[in-house]
Amino acid sequence: MHAWLLLAAAFAADLDGATRWPLPLGEAEVERVDLDGDGAPDERATSSDGGSGYHTWTACVRHGASGHAACERVDSTAYSLFTGYQRVLAPAADNRAEALLGPLGCAAPDPASPAQGALWKLLEPVPEGGRFVPALTWSTGRPRDQESVCLLPAEAARFPGGLDWDPEGSESAAGDLAAAGWRAWYNASWNNVGPPGVRAIPPVADAERRTPVVVAHNGRLEVYQIAHALAVYDPVTDRHAWLLNLARPGDGFKLDRWGRIGAVEALPDGTLRVVPASWGDAGEDLIVEVGALPAE
């Protein structure tokens, strides 16, 4: 332990970010360990910074045998389910340090995937109250565990809050963000975590965070919820459809900590009453008209 502290102090004194690493680290914790088992010790440096609702994690590694370096940075905001993820390599091609960072562990965007149903419902506008008739697209089986998705900045810009993590205040051009190595990461587990990384970045949440759960019954339909999204399942036809996703930022609501949905109630006329969470100005109830069931 004492030896590690001495090494950390020695390397920390040399961390100016401008010359040693591809990304600035600031005050960092550093260790020297053989990360890939090749017999040559590698360097790993991590730092983090944050405030109320915002956080940045940075991790850098240097491959001992080649001297190659790679850094990753995560900019996270509690006010959106999207996180910015940047990876910068030196050298840019055939970088042996990149493997030491590990994979990002998220899927490519696929609007047809049932495992991304909640994400794509963000593109459908939902009123703040009153009656709402969702457009239903039915998929086989019960609602699936939702998966985190990696998007290019231009793709993320289509979604509410898709670029709210931007350190320039969502004013950067999507092309500039992409050129700087940024990607957007949709957090299907929805609690206060960021993408996986080299210890500086919190791990992905437990699997149950990604699993929709039954919150109500509406006739023969089962109503499922995950975070701020609702789906219905018809056991007769073994199909499900996503109804809505209320994860829309803009009013100071910390979407990764609290749920937008306070309660879901099936009404006698076959509609659903969605009661907003009692936080701040919760707004009025939303009456969801589930619509016609698929044919039996």
Protein backbone atom coordinates (compact mmCIF):
# COMPACT_ATOMS: atom_id res chain seq x y z
CA MET A 1 0.00 0.00 0.00
CA HIS A 2 2.81 2.42 0.86
CA ALA A 3 4.58 1.60 -2.42
CA TRP A 4 1.37 2.26 -4.37
CA LEU A 5 0.98 5.64 -2.68
CA LEU A 6 4.53 6.59 -3.59
CA LEU A 7 3.90 5.61 -7.21
CA ALA A 8 0.64 7.53 -7.25
CA ALA A 9 2.32 10.66 -5.92
CA ALA A 10 5.13 10.39 -8.45
CA PHE A 11 2.84 9.98 -11.43
CA ALA A 12 0.31 12.55 -10.21
CA ALA A 13 3.04 15.17 -10.20
CA ASP A 14 3.53 14.54 -13.93
CA LEU A 15 -0.17 14.68 -14.91
CA ASP A 16 -0.46 17.99 -16.70
CA GLY A 17 -2.99 16.61 -19.20
CA ALA A 18 -1.60 18.68 -22.06
CA THR A 19 1.45 16.54 -22.75
CA ARG A 20 1.03 13.27 -20.90
CA TRP A 21 -2.52 12.19 -21.79
CA PRO A 22 -4.86 12.66 -24.77
CA LEU A 23 -7.46 14.27 -22.45
CA PRO A 24 -6.87 16.60 -19.49
CA LEU A 25 -7.20 14.84 -16.17
CA GLY A 26 -6.64 17.50 -13.53
CA GLU A 27 -5.99 16.04 -10.10
CA ALA A 28 -5.95 12.29 -10.63
CA GLU A 29 -5.41 9.03 -8.84
CA VAL A 30 -2.77 6.95 -10.61
CA GLU A 31 -1.69 3.35 -10.31
CA ARG A 32 0.79 1.16 -12.15
CA VAL A 33 -0.34 -2.39 -12.79
CA ASP A 34 -0.06 -5.01 -15.53
CA LEU A 35 -3.58 -4.69 -16.97
CA ASP A 36 -3.20 -7.09 -19.89
CA GLY A 37 -0.89 -9.71 -18.39
CA ASP A 38 1.94 -9.16 -20.87
CA GLY A 39 4.55 -8.69 -18.16
CA ALA A 40 4.94 -4.94 -18.75
CA PRO A 41 3.38 -2.64 -16.16
CA ASP A 42 0.73 -0.27 -17.51
CA GLU A 43 -0.43 3.06 -16.10
CA ARG A 44 -4.01 3.88 -15.18
CA ALA A 45 -5.14 7.34 -14.06
CA THR A 46 -8.63 8.37 -13.00
CA SER A 47 -10.35 11.56 -11.91
CA SER A 48 -13.87 12.81 -11.34
CA ASP A 49 -15.63 16.10 -10.76
CA GLY A 50 -19.24 17.05 -10.23
CA GLY A 51 -21.90 19.18 -8.67
CA SER A 52 -25.65 19.16 -8.15
CA GLY A 53 -26.99 17.09 -11.01
CA TYR A 54 -23.82 16.98 -13.13
CA HIS A 55 -20.75 14.78 -13.04
CA THR A 56 -17.65 14.07 -15.13
CA TRP A 57 -15.50 10.95 -14.94
CA THR A 58 -12.21 10.62 -16.82
CA ALA A 59 -9.98 7.56 -17.10
CA CYS A 60 -6.68 7.26 -18.98
CA VAL A 61 -4.42 4.27 -19.56
CA ARG A 62 -0.94 3.90 -21.00
CA HIS A 63 0.13 0.58 -22.48
CA GLY A 64 3.47 -0.27 -20.92
CA ALA A 65 5.00 -2.18 -23.82
CA SER A 66 4.09 0.28 -26.58
CA GLY A 67 3.69 3.59 -24.78
CA HIS A 68 0.29 4.08 -26.45
CA ALA A 69 -2.27 6.08 -24.44
CA ALA A 70 -6.06 6.16 -24.44
CA CYS A 71 -8.55 8.23 -22.47
CA GLU A 72 -12.30 8.12 -21.96
CA ARG A 73 -14.52 10.81 -20.50
CA VAL A 74 -18.14 10.67 -19.40
CA ASP A 75 -20.27 13.79 -18.95
CA SER A 76 -23.46 12.93 -17.10
CA THR A 77 -26.46 14.99 -16.07
CA ALA A 78 -29.24 13.96 -13.74
CA TYR A 79 -31.68 15.87 -15.92
CA SER A 80 -31.53 13.46 -18.85
CA LEU A 81 -31.22 9.72 -19.43
CA PHE A 82 -28.55 10.45 -22.06
CA THR A 83 -24.87 10.62 -21.18
CA GLY A 84 -21.97 11.89 -23.27
CA TYR A 85 -19.10 9.48 -23.78
CA GLN A 86 -15.79 10.51 -25.37
CA ARG A 87 -12.83 8.32 -26.23
CA VAL A 88 -9.54 9.79 -27.50
CA LEU A 89 -6.51 7.74 -28.57
CA ALA A 90 -2.83 8.54 -29.08
CA PRO A 91 -1.95 7.29 -31.62
CA ALA A 92 -5.37 7.34 -33.26
CA ALA A 93 -4.86 4.11 -35.25
CA ASP A 94 -3.80 0.64 -34.08
CA ASN A 95 -3.81 1.84 -30.48
CA ARG A 96 -2.82 -0.94 -28.07
CA ALA A 97 -4.02 0.98 -25.01
CA GLU A 98 -7.65 1.14 -26.14
CA ALA A 99 -8.28 -2.49 -25.23
CA LEU A 100 -7.31 -1.67 -21.63
CA LEU A 101 -10.33 0.65 -21.40
CA GLY A 102 -12.71 -2.19 -22.19
CA PRO A 103 -15.85 -2.18 -24.35
CA LEU A 104 -18.57 0.41 -23.90
CA GLY A 105 -21.22 -2.30 -23.70
CA CYS A 106 -24.20 -0.77 -25.46
CA ALA A 107 -26.22 -1.63 -28.54
CA ALA A 108 -26.51 0.14 -31.87
CA PRO A 109 -29.78 2.03 -32.37
CA ASP A 110 -32.55 -0.16 -33.81
CA PRO A 111 -36.13 1.22 -33.86
CA ALA A 112 -37.48 -2.29 -34.60
CA SER A 113 -35.87 -3.88 -31.53
CA PRO A 114 -38.30 -4.70 -28.68
CA ALA A 115 -35.35 -4.22 -26.31
CA GLN A 116 -35.30 -0.53 -27.28
CA GLY A 117 -39.04 0.13 -27.21
CA ALA A 118 -38.95 2.59 -24.31
CA LEU A 119 -36.18 4.63 -25.94
CA TRP A 120 -37.98 5.13 -29.25
CA LYS A 121 -41.19 6.19 -27.51
CA LEU A 122 -39.31 9.35 -26.51
CA LEU A 123 -39.81 10.55 -30.08
CA GLU A 124 -43.61 10.57 -29.68
CA PRO A 125 -44.87 13.83 -28.10
CA VAL A 126 -47.00 13.34 -24.98
CA PRO A 127 -49.23 16.08 -23.53
CA GLU A 128 -48.64 17.25 -19.96
CA GLY A 129 -52.19 16.28 -19.03
CA GLY A 130 -55.59 15.44 -20.43
CA ARG A 131 -56.32 12.66 -22.89
CA PHE A 132 -53.66 10.96 -24.96
CA VAL A 133 -54.02 8.41 -27.76
CA PRO A 134 -50.67 6.69 -28.32
CA ALA A 135 -49.62 5.09 -31.57
CA LEU A 136 -49.21 1.39 -30.78
CA THR A 137 -46.70 -0.89 -32.47
CA TRP A 138 -47.11 -4.47 -31.30
CA SER A 139 -44.22 -6.91 -30.75
CA THR A 140 -44.27 -10.59 -29.85
CA GLY A 141 -44.08 -11.59 -26.19
CA ARG A 142 -43.98 -9.64 -22.96
CA PRO A 143 -42.06 -6.35 -22.69
CA ARG A 144 -38.36 -7.15 -22.89
CA ASP A 145 -35.51 -6.07 -20.67
CA GLN A 146 -34.38 -2.75 -22.12
CA GLU A 147 -30.83 -2.27 -23.36
CA SER A 148 -28.58 0.75 -23.31
CA VAL A 149 -27.95 2.27 -26.72
CA CYS A 150 -24.99 4.13 -28.25
CA LEU A 151 -25.88 6.94 -30.65
CA LEU A 152 -23.94 9.40 -32.75
CA PRO A 153 -24.54 13.00 -31.62
CA ALA A 154 -26.69 13.67 -34.70
CA GLU A 155 -28.88 10.69 -33.81
CA ALA A 156 -29.10 11.71 -30.15
CA ALA A 157 -30.13 15.24 -31.12
CA ARG A 158 -33.48 13.86 -32.29
CA PHE A 159 -34.42 12.86 -28.74
CA PRO A 160 -35.54 15.15 -25.91
CA GLY A 161 -32.47 15.62 -23.71
CA GLY A 162 -30.28 13.70 -26.14
CA LEU A 163 -27.48 16.29 -25.96
CA ASP A 164 -28.14 17.81 -22.53
CA TRP A 165 -24.88 16.29 -21.29
CA ASP A 166 -22.93 18.52 -23.72
CA PRO A 167 -20.24 20.42 -21.75
CA GLU A 168 -20.91 23.43 -24.01
CA GLY A 169 -24.54 23.57 -22.95
CA SER A 170 -26.06 21.65 -25.86
CA GLU A 171 -24.90 24.37 -28.23
CA SER A 172 -22.17 22.40 -29.99
CA ALA A 173 -22.81 21.19 -33.51
CA ALA A 174 -23.43 17.45 -33.60
CA GLY A 175 -20.72 17.08 -36.24
CA ASP A 176 -18.17 18.82 -34.03
CA LEU A 177 -19.03 16.55 -31.11
CA ALA A 178 -18.66 13.47 -33.29
CA ALA A 179 -15.32 14.69 -34.66
CA ALA A 180 -14.05 15.15 -31.09
CA GLY A 181 -14.87 11.50 -30.33
CA TRP A 182 -18.17 12.04 -28.50
CA ARG A 183 -21.04 9.57 -28.54
CA ALA A 184 -24.32 9.66 -26.66
CA TRP A 185 -25.22 6.77 -24.37
CA TYR A 186 -28.90 6.13 -23.54
CA ASN A 187 -29.08 4.68 -20.04
CA ALA A 188 -31.73 1.94 -20.03
CA SER A 189 -31.10 1.23 -16.35
CA TRP A 190 -32.09 4.88 -15.70
CA ASN A 191 -30.66 5.30 -12.20
CA ASN A 192 -27.72 7.55 -11.38
CA VAL A 193 -24.88 5.75 -13.19
CA GLY A 194 -22.77 6.18 -16.29
CA PRO A 195 -21.28 3.79 -18.85
CA PRO A 196 -18.78 1.12 -17.80
CA GLY A 197 -15.14 2.14 -17.84
CA VAL A 198 -11.79 1.81 -16.15
CA ARG A 199 -12.91 2.06 -12.51
CA ALA A 200 -13.37 5.81 -12.66
CA ILE A 201 -16.80 5.35 -14.17
CA PRO A 202 -19.57 3.67 -12.16
CA PRO A 203 -20.70 0.24 -13.39
CA VAL A 204 -23.98 -0.37 -15.15
CA ALA A 205 -26.88 -0.93 -12.78
CA ASP A 206 -28.18 -4.33 -11.78
CA ALA A 207 -30.16 -6.24 -14.38
CA GLU A 208 -33.49 -5.71 -12.62
CA ARG A 209 -33.16 -2.00 -13.29
CA ARG A 210 -33.69 -2.83 -16.96
CA THR A 211 -36.70 -5.09 -16.44
CA PRO A 212 -40.28 -3.78 -16.90
CA VAL A 213 -42.62 -4.75 -14.04
CA VAL A 214 -46.41 -5.07 -13.86
CA VAL A 215 -48.04 -2.04 -12.20
CA ALA A 216 -51.71 -2.43 -13.18
CA HIS A 217 -54.27 -4.52 -15.07
CA ASN A 218 -56.64 -3.05 -17.60
CA GLY A 219 -59.18 -5.65 -18.65
CA ARG A 220 -57.16 -8.46 -20.17
CA LEU A 221 -54.14 -6.21 -20.56
CA GLU A 222 -51.20 -6.16 -18.19
CA VAL A 223 -49.59 -2.73 -17.77
CA TYR A 224 -45.79 -2.67 -17.40
CA GLN A 225 -43.49 0.13 -16.27
CA ILE A 226 -39.79 0.79 -16.43
CA ALA A 227 -38.60 4.15 -15.15
CA HIS A 228 -40.67 6.81 -16.94
CA ALA A 229 -42.16 4.50 -19.60
CA LEU A 230 -45.27 2.31 -19.81
CA ALA A 231 -46.14 -0.69 -21.97
CA VAL A 232 -49.13 -3.02 -22.25
CA TYR A 233 -49.15 -6.77 -22.76
CA ASP A 234 -52.03 -8.83 -24.16
CA PRO A 235 -51.73 -12.44 -22.89
CA VAL A 236 -54.35 -13.64 -25.38
CA THR A 237 -52.26 -12.77 -28.41
CA ASP A 238 -48.91 -12.79 -26.55
CA ARG A 239 -47.99 -9.29 -27.79
CA HIS A 240 -46.85 -6.08 -26.16
CA ALA A 241 -46.74 -2.42 -27.17
CA TRP A 242 -45.08 0.60 -25.58
CA LEU A 243 -47.46 3.43 -24.70
CA LEU A 244 -45.29 6.38 -23.69
CA ASN A 245 -42.04 7.60 -22.21
CA LEU A 246 -42.20 10.71 -20.01
CA ALA A 247 -38.43 11.18 -19.67
CA ARG A 248 -38.50 14.66 -21.14
CA PRO A 249 -36.15 17.15 -19.49
CA GLY A 250 -36.65 20.86 -19.12
CA ASP A 251 -38.24 21.57 -15.74
CA GLY A 252 -35.43 20.67 -13.34
CA PHE A 253 -36.66 17.13 -12.70
CA LYS A 254 -33.76 14.75 -11.98
CA LEU A 255 -34.78 11.93 -14.28
CA ASP A 256 -32.11 9.50 -13.13
CA ARG A 257 -33.20 9.68 -9.48
CA TRP A 258 -36.99 10.00 -9.38
CA GLY A 259 -39.81 8.60 -11.46
CA ARG A 260 -42.08 10.81 -13.52
CA ILE A 261 -44.93 8.37 -12.93
CA GLY A 262 -46.45 8.43 -9.47
CA ALA A 263 -49.22 5.88 -10.04
CA VAL A 264 -51.05 4.05 -12.81
CA GLU A 265 -54.77 3.26 -12.47
CA ALA A 266 -57.04 1.31 -14.81
CA LEU A 267 -60.39 3.07 -15.28
CA PRO A 268 -63.74 1.35 -15.97
CA ASP A 269 -63.92 2.76 -19.51
CA GLY A 270 -60.73 0.92 -20.50
CA THR A 271 -58.41 3.90 -20.27
CA LEU A 272 -55.42 4.35 -17.97
CA ARG A 273 -54.95 7.22 -15.56
CA VAL A 274 -51.28 8.13 -15.19
CA VAL A 275 -50.74 10.21 -12.07
CA PRO A 276 -47.58 12.33 -12.16
CA ALA A 277 -45.07 11.97 -9.35
CA SER A 278 -45.60 14.40 -6.49
CA TRP A 279 -42.43 16.42 -6.98
CA GLY A 280 -42.55 20.15 -7.55
CA ASP A 281 -45.23 21.16 -10.04
CA ALA A 282 -46.46 17.66 -10.82
CA GLY A 283 -49.11 18.75 -13.31
CA GLU A 284 -52.44 17.11 -14.08
CA ASP A 285 -53.30 13.47 -14.65
CA LEU A 286 -52.83 11.96 -18.08
CA ILE A 287 -55.64 9.75 -19.41
CA VAL A 288 -54.21 7.22 -21.86
CA GLU A 289 -56.57 5.65 -24.37
CA VAL A 290 -55.01 2.25 -24.93
CA GLY A 291 -56.82 1.82 -28.26
CA ALA A 292 -57.97 -1.25 -30.12
CA LEU A 293 -56.53 -4.59 -29.10
CA PRO A 294 -54.78 -6.71 -31.72
CA ALA A 295 -56.95 -9.38 -33.30
CA GLU A 296 -57.38 -12.59 -31.34
